[in-house]
PDB file of N, CA and C in Angstrom:
ATOM      1  N   UNK A   1      -4.823 -38.137   6.866  1.00  0.00           N
ATOM      2  CA  UNK A   1      -4.802 -37.618   8.034  1.00  0.00           C
ATOM      3  C   UNK A   1      -3.547 -37.876   8.854  1.00  0.00           C
ATOM      4  N   UNK A   2      -3.178 -36.747   9.450  1.00  0.00           N
ATOM      5  CA  UNK A   2      -1.761 -36.947  10.128  1.00  0.00           C
ATOM      6  C   UNK A   2      -2.103 -37.923  11.129  1.00  0.00           C
ATOM      7  N   UNK A   3      -1.056 -38.230  11.919  1.00  0.00           N
ATOM      8  CA  UNK A   3      -1.312 -39.533  12.912  1.00  0.00           C
ATOM      9  C   UNK A   3      -0.602 -38.252  14.347  1.00  0.00           C
ATOM     10  N   UNK A   4       0.294 -37.706  14.420  1.00  0.00           N
ATOM     11  CA  UNK A   4       0.795 -36.812  15.300  1.00  0.00           C
ATOM     12  C   UNK A   4      -0.046 -35.738  15.838  1.00  0.00           C
ATOM     13  N   UNK A   5      -0.156 -35.504  17.021  1.00  0.00           N
ATOM     14  CA  UNK A   5      -0.926 -34.606  17.632  1.00  0.00           C
ATOM     15  C   UNK A   5      -0.545 -33.108  17.145  1.00  0.00           C
ATOM     16  N   UNK A   6       0.596 -32.747  17.086  1.00  0.00           N
ATOM     17  CA  UNK A   6       0.604 -31.322  16.715  1.00  0.00           C
ATOM     18  C   UNK A   6       0.699 -31.119  14.796  1.00  0.00           C
ATOM     19  N   UNK A   7       0.648 -32.204  14.436  1.00  0.00           N
ATOM     20  CA  UNK A   7       0.099 -32.199  12.904  1.00  0.00           C
ATOM     21  C   UNK A   7      -0.979 -32.025  12.966  1.00  0.00           C
ATOM     22  N   UNK A   8      -1.958 -32.716  13.479  1.00  0.00           N
ATOM     23  CA  UNK A   8      -3.483 -32.565  13.745  1.00  0.00           C
ATOM     24  C   UNK A   8      -3.855 -31.010  13.603  1.00  0.00           C
ATOM     25  N   UNK A   9      -3.136 -30.538  14.756  1.00  0.00           N
ATOM     26  CA  UNK A   9      -3.309 -29.086  14.890  1.00  0.00           C
ATOM     27  C   UNK A   9      -3.135 -28.143  13.831  1.00  0.00           C
ATOM     28  N   UNK A  10      -1.782 -28.276  13.369  1.00  0.00           N
ATOM     29  CA  UNK A  10      -1.650 -27.745  12.055  1.00  0.00           C
ATOM     30  C   UNK A  10      -2.563 -27.652  11.040  1.00  0.00           C
ATOM     31  N   UNK A  11      -3.255 -28.803  10.795  1.00  0.00           N
ATOM     32  CA  UNK A  11      -4.091 -28.925  10.058  1.00  0.00           C
ATOM     33  C   UNK A  11      -5.452 -28.532  10.207  1.00  0.00           C
ATOM     34  N   UNK A  12      -5.600 -28.156  11.413  1.00  0.00           N
ATOM     35  CA  UNK A  12      -6.958 -27.178  11.887  1.00  0.00           C
ATOM     36  C   UNK A  12      -6.670 -25.978  11.515  1.00  0.00           C
ATOM     37  N   UNK A  13      -5.275 -25.251  11.933  1.00  0.00           N
ATOM     38  CA  UNK A  13      -5.177 -24.009  11.715  1.00  0.00           C
ATOM     39  C   UNK A  13      -4.895 -23.544  10.512  1.00  0.00           C
ATOM     40  N   UNK A  14      -4.271 -24.309   9.698  1.00  0.00           N
ATOM     41  CA  UNK A  14      -4.207 -24.082   8.249  1.00  0.00           C
ATOM     42  C   UNK A  14      -5.513 -23.979   7.635  1.00  0.00           C
ATOM     43  N   UNK A  15      -6.541 -24.851   8.138  1.00  0.00           N
ATOM     44  CA  UNK A  15      -7.942 -24.714   7.457  1.00  0.00           C
ATOM     45  C   UNK A  15      -8.363 -23.470   7.804  1.00  0.00           C
ATOM     46  N   UNK A  16      -8.468 -23.051   9.058  1.00  0.00           N
ATOM     47  CA  UNK A  16      -9.035 -21.677   9.544  1.00  0.00           C
ATOM     48  C   UNK A  16      -8.441 -20.518   8.683  1.00  0.00           C
ATOM     49  N   UNK A  17      -7.064 -20.751   8.388  1.00  0.00           N
ATOM     50  CA  UNK A  17      -6.265 -19.585   7.911  1.00  0.00           C
ATOM     51  C   UNK A  17      -6.634 -19.467   6.499  1.00  0.00           C
ATOM     52  N   UNK A  18      -6.661 -20.775   5.682  1.00  0.00           N
ATOM     53  CA  UNK A  18      -7.235 -20.702   4.512  1.00  0.00           C
ATOM     54  C   UNK A  18      -8.586 -20.098   4.037  1.00  0.00           C
ATOM     55  N   UNK A  19      -9.634 -20.592   4.943  1.00  0.00           N
ATOM     56  CA  UNK A  19     -11.132 -19.670   5.030  1.00  0.00           C
ATOM     57  C   UNK A  19     -10.888 -18.109   5.214  1.00  0.00           C
ATOM     58  N   UNK A  20      -9.970 -17.594   6.144  1.00  0.00           N
ATOM     59  CA  UNK A  20      -9.836 -16.304   6.516  1.00  0.00           C
ATOM     60  C   UNK A  20      -9.145 -15.493   5.174  1.00  0.00           C
ATOM     61  N   UNK A  21      -7.908 -16.359   4.539  1.00  0.00           N
ATOM     62  CA  UNK A  21      -7.312 -15.630   3.487  1.00  0.00           C
ATOM     63  C   UNK A  21      -8.672 -15.685   2.253  1.00  0.00           C
ATOM     64  N   UNK A  22      -9.113 -16.551   2.360  1.00  0.00           N
ATOM     65  CA  UNK A  22      -9.876 -16.499   0.973  1.00  0.00           C
ATOM     66  C   UNK A  22     -11.290 -15.342   1.380  1.00  0.00           C
ATOM     67  N   UNK A  23     -11.651 -14.989   2.347  1.00  0.00           N
ATOM     68  CA  UNK A  23     -12.417 -14.234   2.449  1.00  0.00           C
ATOM     69  C   UNK A  23     -12.044 -13.037   2.296  1.00  0.00           C
ATOM     70  N   UNK A  24     -10.475 -12.526   2.736  1.00  0.00           N
ATOM     71  CA  UNK A  24      -9.805 -11.243   2.381  1.00  0.00           C
ATOM     72  C   UNK A  24      -9.796 -10.913   1.143  1.00  0.00           C
ATOM     73  N   UNK A  25      -9.266 -12.363   0.186  1.00  0.00           N
ATOM     74  CA  UNK A  25      -9.262 -12.069  -1.043  1.00  0.00           C
ATOM     75  C   UNK A  25     -10.312 -11.852  -1.981  1.00  0.00           C
ATOM     76  N   UNK A  26     -11.404 -12.305  -1.395  1.00  0.00           N
ATOM     77  CA  UNK A  26     -12.899 -11.981  -2.013  1.00  0.00           C
ATOM     78  C   UNK A  26     -13.164 -10.519  -1.834  1.00  0.00           C
ATOM     79  N   UNK A  27     -13.131 -10.060  -0.348  1.00  0.00           N
ATOM     80  CA  UNK A  27     -13.367  -8.445  -0.037  1.00  0.00           C
ATOM     81  C   UNK A  27     -12.491  -7.596  -1.096  1.00  0.00           C
ATOM     82  N   UNK A  28     -11.122  -8.166  -1.267  1.00  0.00           N
ATOM     83  CA  UNK A  28     -10.293  -7.514  -1.954  1.00  0.00           C
ATOM     84  C   UNK A  28     -10.883  -7.315  -3.297  1.00  0.00           C
ATOM     85  N   UNK A  29     -10.862  -8.275  -4.337  1.00  0.00           N
ATOM     86  CA  UNK A  29     -11.566  -8.442  -5.321  1.00  0.00           C
ATOM     87  C   UNK A  29     -12.900  -7.323  -5.732  1.00  0.00           C
ATOM     88  N   UNK A  30     -13.797  -7.565  -4.753  1.00  0.00           N
ATOM     89  CA  UNK A  30     -15.202  -7.033  -4.864  1.00  0.00           C
ATOM     90  C   UNK A  30     -14.636  -5.441  -4.845  1.00  0.00           C
ATOM     91  N   UNK A  31     -13.963  -5.144  -3.852  1.00  0.00           N
ATOM     92  CA  UNK A  31     -13.850  -3.395  -3.713  1.00  0.00           C
ATOM     93  C   UNK A  31     -13.169  -2.878  -5.047  1.00  0.00           C
ATOM     94  N   UNK A  32     -12.239  -3.857  -5.487  1.00  0.00           N
ATOM     95  CA  UNK A  32     -11.521  -3.213  -6.588  1.00  0.00           C
ATOM     96  C   UNK A  32     -12.411  -3.480  -7.935  1.00  0.00           C
ATOM     97  N   UNK A  33     -13.166  -4.110  -8.206  1.00  0.00           N
ATOM     98  CA  UNK A  33     -14.147  -4.067  -8.973  1.00  0.00           C
ATOM     99  C   UNK A  33     -15.350  -3.160  -8.943  1.00  0.00           C
ATOM    100  N   UNK A  34     -15.881  -3.011  -7.567  1.00  0.00           N
ATOM    101  CA  UNK A  34     -16.586  -1.642  -7.391  1.00  0.00           C
ATOM    102  C   UNK A  34     -16.130  -0.326  -8.040  1.00  0.00           C
ATOM    103  N   UNK A  35     -14.659  -0.047  -7.549  1.00  0.00           N
ATOM    104  CA  UNK A  35     -14.016   0.937  -7.833  1.00  0.00           C
ATOM    105  C   UNK A  35     -13.909   1.136  -9.658  1.00  0.00           C
ATOM    106  N   UNK A  36     -13.674  -0.105 -10.141  1.00  0.00           N
ATOM    107  CA  UNK A  36     -13.396   0.056 -11.606  1.00  0.00           C
ATOM    108  C   UNK A  36     -14.993   0.227 -12.290  1.00  0.00           C
ATOM    109  N   UNK A  37     -15.983  -0.279 -11.424  1.00  0.00           N
ATOM    110  CA  UNK A  37     -17.321  -0.180 -12.380  1.00  0.00           C
ATOM    111  C   UNK A  37     -17.900   1.394 -12.222  1.00  0.00           C
ATOM    112  N   UNK A  38     -17.540   1.862 -10.897  1.00  0.00           N
ATOM    113  CA  UNK A  38     -18.137   3.177 -10.690  1.00  0.00           C
ATOM    114  C   UNK A  38     -16.722   4.090  -9.901  1.00  0.00           C
ATOM    115  N   UNK A  39     -16.057   4.862 -10.554  1.00  0.00           N
ATOM    116  CA  UNK A  39     -14.667   5.306 -10.174  1.00  0.00           C
ATOM    117  C   UNK A  39     -15.163   6.683  -9.192  1.00  0.00           C
ATOM    118  N   UNK A  40     -15.232   6.363  -7.819  1.00  0.00           N
ATOM    119  CA  UNK A  40     -15.408   7.575  -7.066  1.00  0.00           C
ATOM    120  C   UNK A  40     -14.353   7.779  -6.051  1.00  0.00           C
ATOM    121  N   UNK A  41     -14.322   8.663  -5.080  1.00  0.00           N
ATOM    122  CA  UNK A  41     -13.449   8.678  -4.088  1.00  0.00           C
ATOM    123  C   UNK A  41     -13.703   7.671  -2.985  1.00  0.00           C
ATOM    124  N   UNK A  42     -14.978   7.701  -2.894  1.00  0.00           N
ATOM    125  CA  UNK A  42     -15.583   6.626  -2.066  1.00  0.00           C
ATOM    126  C   UNK A  42     -14.946   5.336  -2.110  1.00  0.00           C
ATOM    127  N   UNK A  43     -15.177   4.940  -3.347  1.00  0.00           N
ATOM    128  CA  UNK A  43     -14.673   3.427  -3.635  1.00  0.00           C
ATOM    129  C   UNK A  43     -13.320   3.473  -3.709  1.00  0.00           C
ATOM    130  N   UNK A  44     -12.830   4.290  -3.895  1.00  0.00           N
ATOM    131  CA  UNK A  44     -11.460   4.667  -4.222  1.00  0.00           C
ATOM    132  C   UNK A  44     -10.481   4.220  -2.807  1.00  0.00           C
ATOM    133  N   UNK A  45     -11.109   4.847  -1.716  1.00  0.00           N
ATOM    134  CA  UNK A  45     -11.028   4.935  -0.523  1.00  0.00           C
ATOM    135  C   UNK A  45     -11.357   3.454   0.112  1.00  0.00           C
ATOM    136  N   UNK A  46     -12.466   2.681  -0.281  1.00  0.00           N
ATOM    137  CA  UNK A  46     -12.758   1.247   0.360  1.00  0.00           C
ATOM    138  C   UNK A  46     -11.648   0.278  -0.285  1.00  0.00           C
ATOM    139  N   UNK A  47     -11.491   0.561  -1.558  1.00  0.00           N
ATOM    140  CA  UNK A  47     -10.538  -0.411  -2.450  1.00  0.00           C
ATOM    141  C   UNK A  47      -9.123  -0.136  -1.786  1.00  0.00           C
ATOM    142  N   UNK A  48      -8.699   0.812  -1.430  1.00  0.00           N
ATOM    143  CA  UNK A  48      -7.469   1.148  -0.945  1.00  0.00           C
ATOM    144  C   UNK A  48      -6.978   0.533   0.694  1.00  0.00           C
ATOM    145  N   UNK A  49      -8.364   0.476   1.518  1.00  0.00           N
ATOM    146  CA  UNK A  49      -8.518   0.153   2.457  1.00  0.00           C
ATOM    147  C   UNK A  49      -8.674  -1.467   2.403  1.00  0.00           C
ATOM    148  N   UNK A  50      -9.056  -1.940   1.364  1.00  0.00           N
ATOM    149  CA  UNK A  50      -9.006  -3.487   1.408  1.00  0.00           C
ATOM    150  C   UNK A  50      -7.723  -4.003   0.972  1.00  0.00           C
ATOM    151  N   UNK A  51      -6.934  -3.222   0.364  1.00  0.00           N
ATOM    152  CA  UNK A  51      -5.506  -3.855   0.017  1.00  0.00           C
ATOM    153  C   UNK A  51      -4.561  -3.605   1.031  1.00  0.00           C
ATOM    154  N   UNK A  52      -4.846  -2.531   1.962  1.00  0.00           N
ATOM    155  CA  UNK A  52      -4.029  -2.444   3.218  1.00  0.00           C
ATOM    156  C   UNK A  52      -4.300  -3.756   4.178  1.00  0.00           C
ATOM    157  N   UNK A  53      -5.876  -4.005   4.241  1.00  0.00           N
ATOM    158  CA  UNK A  53      -6.043  -5.123   5.256  1.00  0.00           C
ATOM    159  C   UNK A  53      -5.508  -6.520   4.824  1.00  0.00           C
ATOM    160  N   UNK A  54      -5.456  -6.603   3.218  1.00  0.00           N
ATOM    161  CA  UNK A  54      -4.940  -7.851   2.683  1.00  0.00           C
ATOM    162  C   UNK A  54      -3.453  -8.007   3.205  1.00  0.00           C
ATOM    163  N   UNK A  55      -2.710  -6.899   3.007  1.00  0.00           N
ATOM    164  CA  UNK A  55      -1.317  -6.725   3.490  1.00  0.00           C
ATOM    165  C   UNK A  55      -0.881  -6.985   4.812  1.00  0.00           C
ATOM    166  N   UNK A  56      -1.831  -6.622   5.682  1.00  0.00           N
ATOM    167  CA  UNK A  56      -1.567  -6.838   7.002  1.00  0.00           C
ATOM    168  C   UNK A  56      -1.943  -7.966   7.433  1.00  0.00           C
ATOM    169  N   UNK A  57      -2.876  -8.935   6.812  1.00  0.00           N
ATOM    170  CA  UNK A  57      -3.308 -10.320   6.820  1.00  0.00           C
ATOM    171  C   UNK A  57      -2.250 -11.286   6.234  1.00  0.00           C
ATOM    172  N   UNK A  58      -1.123 -10.775   5.472  1.00  0.00           N
ATOM    173  CA  UNK A  58      -0.277 -11.228   4.756  1.00  0.00           C
ATOM    174  C   UNK A  58      -1.084 -12.193   3.569  1.00  0.00           C
ATOM    175  N   UNK A  59      -1.972 -11.654   2.925  1.00  0.00           N
ATOM    176  CA  UNK A  59      -2.528 -12.473   1.891  1.00  0.00           C
ATOM    177  C   UNK A  59      -1.828 -11.975   0.574  1.00  0.00           C
ATOM    178  N   UNK A  60      -1.552 -10.676   0.565  1.00  0.00           N
ATOM    179  CA  UNK A  60      -0.561 -10.191  -0.636  1.00  0.00           C
ATOM    180  C   UNK A  60       0.746  -9.519  -0.180  1.00  0.00           C
ATOM    181  N   UNK A  61       1.602  -9.361  -1.287  1.00  0.00           N
ATOM    182  CA  UNK A  61       2.871  -8.681  -0.849  1.00  0.00           C
ATOM    183  C   UNK A  61       2.702  -7.189  -1.166  1.00  0.00           C
ATOM    184  N   UNK A  62       3.553  -6.702  -0.122  1.00  0.00           N
ATOM    185  CA  UNK A  62       3.196  -5.092   0.163  1.00  0.00           C
ATOM    186  C   UNK A  62       3.829  -4.382  -0.933  1.00  0.00           C
ATOM    187  N   UNK A  63       4.456  -5.124  -2.039  1.00  0.00           N
ATOM    188  CA  UNK A  63       5.151  -4.208  -3.262  1.00  0.00           C
ATOM    189  C   UNK A  63       3.829  -4.472  -4.164  1.00  0.00           C
ATOM    190  N   UNK A  64       3.123  -5.539  -3.909  1.00  0.00           N
ATOM    191  CA  UNK A  64       1.828  -5.785  -5.069  1.00  0.00           C
ATOM    192  C   UNK A  64       0.984  -4.710  -4.665  1.00  0.00           C
ATOM    193  N   UNK A  65       0.803  -4.609  -3.369  1.00  0.00           N
ATOM    194  CA  UNK A  65      -0.304  -3.361  -2.950  1.00  0.00           C
ATOM    195  C   UNK A  65       0.122  -2.304  -3.280  1.00  0.00           C
ATOM    196  N   UNK A  66       1.501  -1.837  -3.214  1.00  0.00           N
ATOM    197  CA  UNK A  66       1.838  -0.709  -3.334  1.00  0.00           C
ATOM    198  C   UNK A  66       1.448  -0.260  -5.025  1.00  0.00           C
ATOM    199  N   UNK A  67       1.936  -1.207  -5.852  1.00  0.00           N
ATOM    200  CA  UNK A  67       1.473  -1.400  -7.218  1.00  0.00           C
ATOM    201  C   UNK A  67      -0.154  -1.261  -7.854  1.00  0.00           C
ATOM    202  N   UNK A  68      -0.847  -1.870  -7.047  1.00  0.00           N
ATOM    203  CA  UNK A  68      -2.295  -1.694  -7.086  1.00  0.00           C
ATOM    204  C   UNK A  68      -2.782  -0.335  -6.703  1.00  0.00           C
ATOM    205  N   UNK A  69      -2.283   0.127  -5.529  1.00  0.00           N
ATOM    206  CA  UNK A  69      -2.797   1.393  -4.918  1.00  0.00           C
ATOM    207  C   UNK A  69      -2.348   2.546  -5.872  1.00  0.00           C
ATOM    208  N   UNK A  70      -1.192   2.371  -6.458  1.00  0.00           N
ATOM    209  CA  UNK A  70      -0.622   3.137  -7.619  1.00  0.00           C
ATOM    210  C   UNK A  70      -1.705   3.301  -8.671  1.00  0.00           C
ATOM    211  N   UNK A  71      -2.088   2.140  -9.075  1.00  0.00           N
ATOM    212  CA  UNK A  71      -3.087   1.995 -10.367  1.00  0.00           C
ATOM    213  C   UNK A  71      -4.345   2.665  -9.973  1.00  0.00           C
ATOM    214  N   UNK A  72      -4.825   2.543  -8.925  1.00  0.00           N
ATOM    215  CA  UNK A  72      -6.214   2.942  -8.214  1.00  0.00           C
ATOM    216  C   UNK A  72      -5.930   4.598  -8.466  1.00  0.00           C
ATOM    217  N   UNK A  73      -4.956   4.828  -8.104  1.00  0.00           N
ATOM    218  CA  UNK A  73      -4.890   6.304  -7.972  1.00  0.00           C
ATOM    219  C   UNK A  73      -4.616   6.893  -9.391  1.00  0.00           C
ATOM    220  N   UNK A  74      -4.164   6.463 -10.242  1.00  0.00           N
ATOM    221  CA  UNK A  74      -4.151   6.996 -11.551  1.00  0.00           C
ATOM    222  C   UNK A  74      -5.161   6.890 -12.418  1.00  0.00           C
ATOM    223  N   UNK A  75      -6.026   5.861 -12.213  1.00  0.00           N
ATOM    224  CA  UNK A  75      -7.403   5.700 -12.845  1.00  0.00           C
ATOM    225  C   UNK A  75      -8.182   6.679 -12.016  1.00  0.00           C
ATOM    226  N   UNK A  76      -8.100   6.952 -10.798  1.00  0.00           N
ATOM    227  CA  UNK A  76      -9.153   7.910 -10.221  1.00  0.00           C
ATOM    228  C   UNK A  76      -8.559   9.558 -10.820  1.00  0.00           C
ATOM    229  N   UNK A  77      -7.341   9.656 -10.980  1.00  0.00           N
ATOM    230  CA  UNK A  77      -6.571  10.785 -11.306  1.00  0.00           C
ATOM    231  C   UNK A  77      -7.532  11.137 -12.646  1.00  0.00           C
ATOM    232  N   UNK A  78      -7.312  10.011 -13.716  1.00  0.00           N
ATOM    233  CA  UNK A  78      -7.821  10.251 -14.938  1.00  0.00           C
ATOM    234  C   UNK A  78      -9.222  10.610 -15.010  1.00  0.00           C
ATOM    235  N   UNK A  79      -9.955   9.916 -14.169  1.00  0.00           N
ATOM    236  CA  UNK A  79     -11.594  10.218 -14.166  1.00  0.00           C
ATOM    237  C   UNK A  79     -11.691  11.532 -13.523  1.00  0.00           C
ATOM    238  N   UNK A  80     -11.123  11.747 -12.720  1.00  0.00           N
ATOM    239  CA  UNK A  80     -11.108  13.315 -12.517  1.00  0.00           C
ATOM    240  C   UNK A  80     -10.791  14.286 -13.244  1.00  0.00           C
ATOM    241  N   UNK A  81      -9.999  13.913 -13.898  1.00  0.00           N
ATOM    242  CA  UNK A  81      -9.613  15.213 -15.255  1.00  0.00           C
ATOM    243  C   UNK A  81     -10.633  15.226 -16.494  1.00  0.00           C
ATOM    244  N   UNK A  82     -11.312  14.021 -16.519  1.00  0.00           N
ATOM    245  CA  UNK A  82     -12.322  13.860 -17.741  1.00  0.00           C
ATOM    246  C   UNK A  82     -13.304  15.152 -17.327  1.00  0.00           C
ATOM    247  N   UNK A  83     -13.996  15.515 -18.348  1.00  0.00           N
ATOM    248  CA  UNK A  83     -14.567  16.789 -18.526  1.00  0.00           C
ATOM    249  C   UNK A  83     -16.292  16.212 -17.782  1.00  0.00           C
ATOM    250  N   UNK A  84     -16.616  16.548 -16.787  1.00  0.00           N
ATOM    251  CA  UNK A  84     -17.793  16.357 -16.236  1.00  0.00           C
ATOM    252  C   UNK A  84     -18.698  17.569 -15.762  1.00  0.00           C
ATOM    253  N   UNK A  85     -19.792  17.663 -16.501  1.00  0.00           N
ATOM    254  CA  UNK A  85     -20.571  18.706 -16.376  1.00  0.00           C
ATOM    255  C   UNK A  85     -21.540  18.618 -15.033  1.00  0.00           C
ATOM    256  N   UNK A  86     -21.503  19.578 -14.306  1.00  0.00           N
ATOM    257  CA  UNK A  86     -22.452  19.845 -13.172  1.00  0.00           C
ATOM    258  C   UNK A  86     -22.796  21.210 -12.932  1.00  0.00           C
ATOM    259  N   UNK A  87     -24.199  21.058 -12.543  1.00  0.00           N
ATOM    260  CA  UNK A  87     -24.566  22.365 -12.217  1.00  0.00           C
ATOM    261  C   UNK A  87     -24.225  23.226 -10.821  1.00  0.00           C
ATOM    262  N   UNK A  88     -23.236  24.080 -11.036  1.00  0.00           N
ATOM    263  CA  UNK A  88     -23.071  24.375  -9.700  1.00  0.00           C
ATOM    264  C   UNK A  88     -23.387  25.928  -9.490  1.00  0.00           C
ATOM    265  N   UNK A  89     -23.917  26.585  -8.626  1.00  0.00           N
ATOM    266  CA  UNK A  89     -24.037  28.144  -8.707  1.00  0.00           C
ATOM    267  C   UNK A  89     -23.088  28.745  -8.074  1.00  0.00           C
ATOM    268  N   UNK A  90     -22.502  29.658  -8.664  1.00  0.00           N
ATOM    269  CA  UNK A  90     -21.252  30.369  -8.463  1.00  0.00           C
ATOM    270  C   UNK A  90     -21.614  31.381  -7.356  1.00  0.00           C
ATOM    271  N   UNK A  91     -20.606  31.551  -6.342  1.00  0.00           N
ATOM    272  CA  UNK A  91     -20.790  32.437  -5.256  1.00  0.00           C
ATOM    273  C   UNK A  91     -20.074  33.922  -5.621  1.00  0.00           C
ATOM    274  N   UNK A  92     -20.634  34.655  -5.322  1.00  0.00           N
ATOM    275  CA  UNK A  92     -19.820  36.079  -5.295  1.00  0.00           C
ATOM    276  C   UNK A  92     -19.052  36.082  -4.190  1.00  0.00           C
ATOM    277  N   UNK A  93     -17.940  36.847  -4.777  1.00  0.00           N
ATOM    278  CA  UNK A  93     -16.662  36.696  -4.050  1.00  0.00           C
ATOM    279  C   UNK A  93     -16.492  37.798  -2.838  1.00  0.00           C
ATOM    280  N   UNK A  94     -16.348  37.315  -1.430  1.00  0.00           N
ATOM    281  CA  UNK A  94     -16.504  38.238  -0.435  1.00  0.00           C
ATOM    282  C   UNK A  94     -15.526  39.592  -0.752  1.00  0.00           C
ATOM    283  N   UNK A  95     -16.349  40.548   0.110  1.00  0.00           N
ATOM    284  CA  UNK A  95     -15.489  42.061  -0.396  1.00  0.00           C
ATOM    285  C   UNK A  95     -14.413  42.032   0.840  1.00  0.00           C
ATOM    286  N   UNK A  96     -13.236  42.522   0.478  1.00  0.00           N
ATOM    287  CA  UNK A  96     -12.120  42.598   1.469  1.00  0.00           C
ATOM    288  C   UNK A  96     -11.710  43.866   1.877  1.00  0.00           C
ATOM    289  N   UNK A  97     -11.393  44.123   3.151  1.00  0.00           N
ATOM    290  CA  UNK A  97     -11.308  45.434   3.467  1.00  0.00           C
ATOM    291  C   UNK A  97      -9.911  45.859   2.638  1.00  0.00           C
ATOM    292  N   UNK A  98      -9.548  47.279   2.381  1.00  0.00           N
ATOM    293  CA  UNK A  98      -8.417  47.449   1.600  1.00  0.00           C
ATOM    294  C   UNK A  98      -7.263  47.444   2.668  1.00  0.00           C
ATOM    295  N   UNK A  99      -6.102  47.277   1.907  1.00  0.00           N
ATOM    296  CA  UNK A  99      -4.853  46.925   2.648  1.00  0.00           C
ATOM    297  C   UNK A  99      -3.955  48.114   2.598  1.00  0.00           C
ATOM    298  N   UNK A 100      -3.567  49.022   3.679  1.00  0.00           N
ATOM    299  CA  UNK A 100      -2.799  49.738   3.684  1.00  0.00           C
ATOM    300  C   UNK A 100      -1.376  49.290   3.323  1.00  0.00           C
ATOM    301  N   UNK A 101      -0.583  50.139   2.472  1.00  0.00           N
ATOM    302  CA  UNK A 101       0.916  49.815   2.158  1.00  0.00           C
ATOM    303  C   UNK A 101       1.772  50.173   3.116  1.00  0.00           C
ATOM    304  N   UNK A 102       2.830  49.546   3.410  1.00  0.00           N
ATOM    305  CA  UNK A 102       3.630  50.014   4.310  1.00  0.00           C
ATOM    306  C   UNK A 102       4.918  50.519   3.708  1.00  0.00           C
ATOM    307  N   UNK A 103       5.280  51.404   4.343  1.00  0.00           N
ATOM    308  CA  UNK A 103       6.495  51.942   3.534  1.00  0.00           C
ATOM    309  C   UNK A 103       7.936  51.621   4.150  1.00  0.00           C
ATOM    310  N   UNK A 104       8.711  51.360   3.479  1.00  0.00           N
ATOM    311  CA  UNK A 104       9.893  50.577   3.925  1.00  0.00           C
ATOM    312  C   UNK A 104      11.101  51.905   4.057  1.00  0.00           C
ATOM    313  N   UNK A 105      11.774  51.913   5.378  1.00  0.00           N
ATOM    314  CA  UNK A 105      12.714  52.563   5.510  1.00  0.00           C
ATOM    315  C   UNK A 105      14.070  52.176   4.818  1.00  0.00           C
ATOM    316  N   UNK A 106      14.730  53.005   4.139  1.00  0.00           N
ATOM    317  CA  UNK A 106      16.205  52.707   3.475  1.00  0.00           C
ATOM    318  C   UNK A 106      17.100  52.998   4.588  1.00  0.00           C
ATOM    319  N   UNK A 107      17.963  51.941   4.652  1.00  0.00           N
ATOM    320  CA  UNK A 107      19.462  51.826   5.273  1.00  0.00           C
ATOM    321  C   UNK A 107      20.245  53.144   5.042  1.00  0.00           C
ATOM    322  N   UNK A 108      20.780  53.660   5.881  1.00  0.00           N
ATOM    323  CA  UNK A 108      21.829  54.661   5.293  1.00  0.00           C
ATOM    324  C   UNK A 108      23.374  54.275   5.958  1.00  0.00           C
ATOM    325  N   UNK A 109      24.078  54.528   5.212  1.00  0.00           N
ATOM    326  CA  UNK A 109      25.538  53.911   5.499  1.00  0.00           C
ATOM    327  C   UNK A 109      26.128  54.967   5.913  1.00  0.00           C
ATOM    328  N   UNK A 110      27.279  55.169   6.885  1.00  0.00           N
ATOM    329  CA  UNK A 110      27.974  56.124   7.581  1.00  0.00           C
ATOM    330  C   UNK A 110      29.387  56.061   6.623  1.00  0.00           C
ATOM    331  N   UNK A 111      29.412  57.345   6.136  1.00  0.00           N
ATOM    332  CA  UNK A 111      30.917  57.152   5.508  1.00  0.00           C
ATOM    333  C   UNK A 111      32.101  57.465   6.106  1.00  0.00           C
ATOM    334  N   UNK A 112      33.327  57.214   6.262  1.00  0.00           N
ATOM    335  CA  UNK A 112      34.281  57.268   6.899  1.00  0.00           C
ATOM    336  C   UNK A 112      35.377  58.471   6.326  1.00  0.00           C
TER     337      UNK A 112
END
C-alpha cells in the first residue's frame, strides 16, 4: 500500500477504471459473439455501437475498432448475399401516366 496521499488516490482511481474497463470489454465481447451467433442488422448495429463505446472510453485502439467493424460488415454482407427463402407477396406495379415527348428545336446558324 502506498504511503503518500496522492498515490493512495491514484490506487482508488485505477481500481475504478479497471472495473469500468472490464465492463466495457465484457459488453464488447458479448455484442460481437451475439452478432456471430445470429447475423442480423440489429446485432450488427449493437456490435458496432459497442465497439464505438470501447474506443471512446479508451479500452481499445481506434485502428483495432476500424478493423473489427470492417470484419463485421464483411460477415453481414456475406450473410446477406447467401440465399434466403422468404415468402413475400409481390405487389402489382402502379400504373403511370403517359409522358408526352418534348420536341427539341434545332439551332440555325447564320451564313455570312
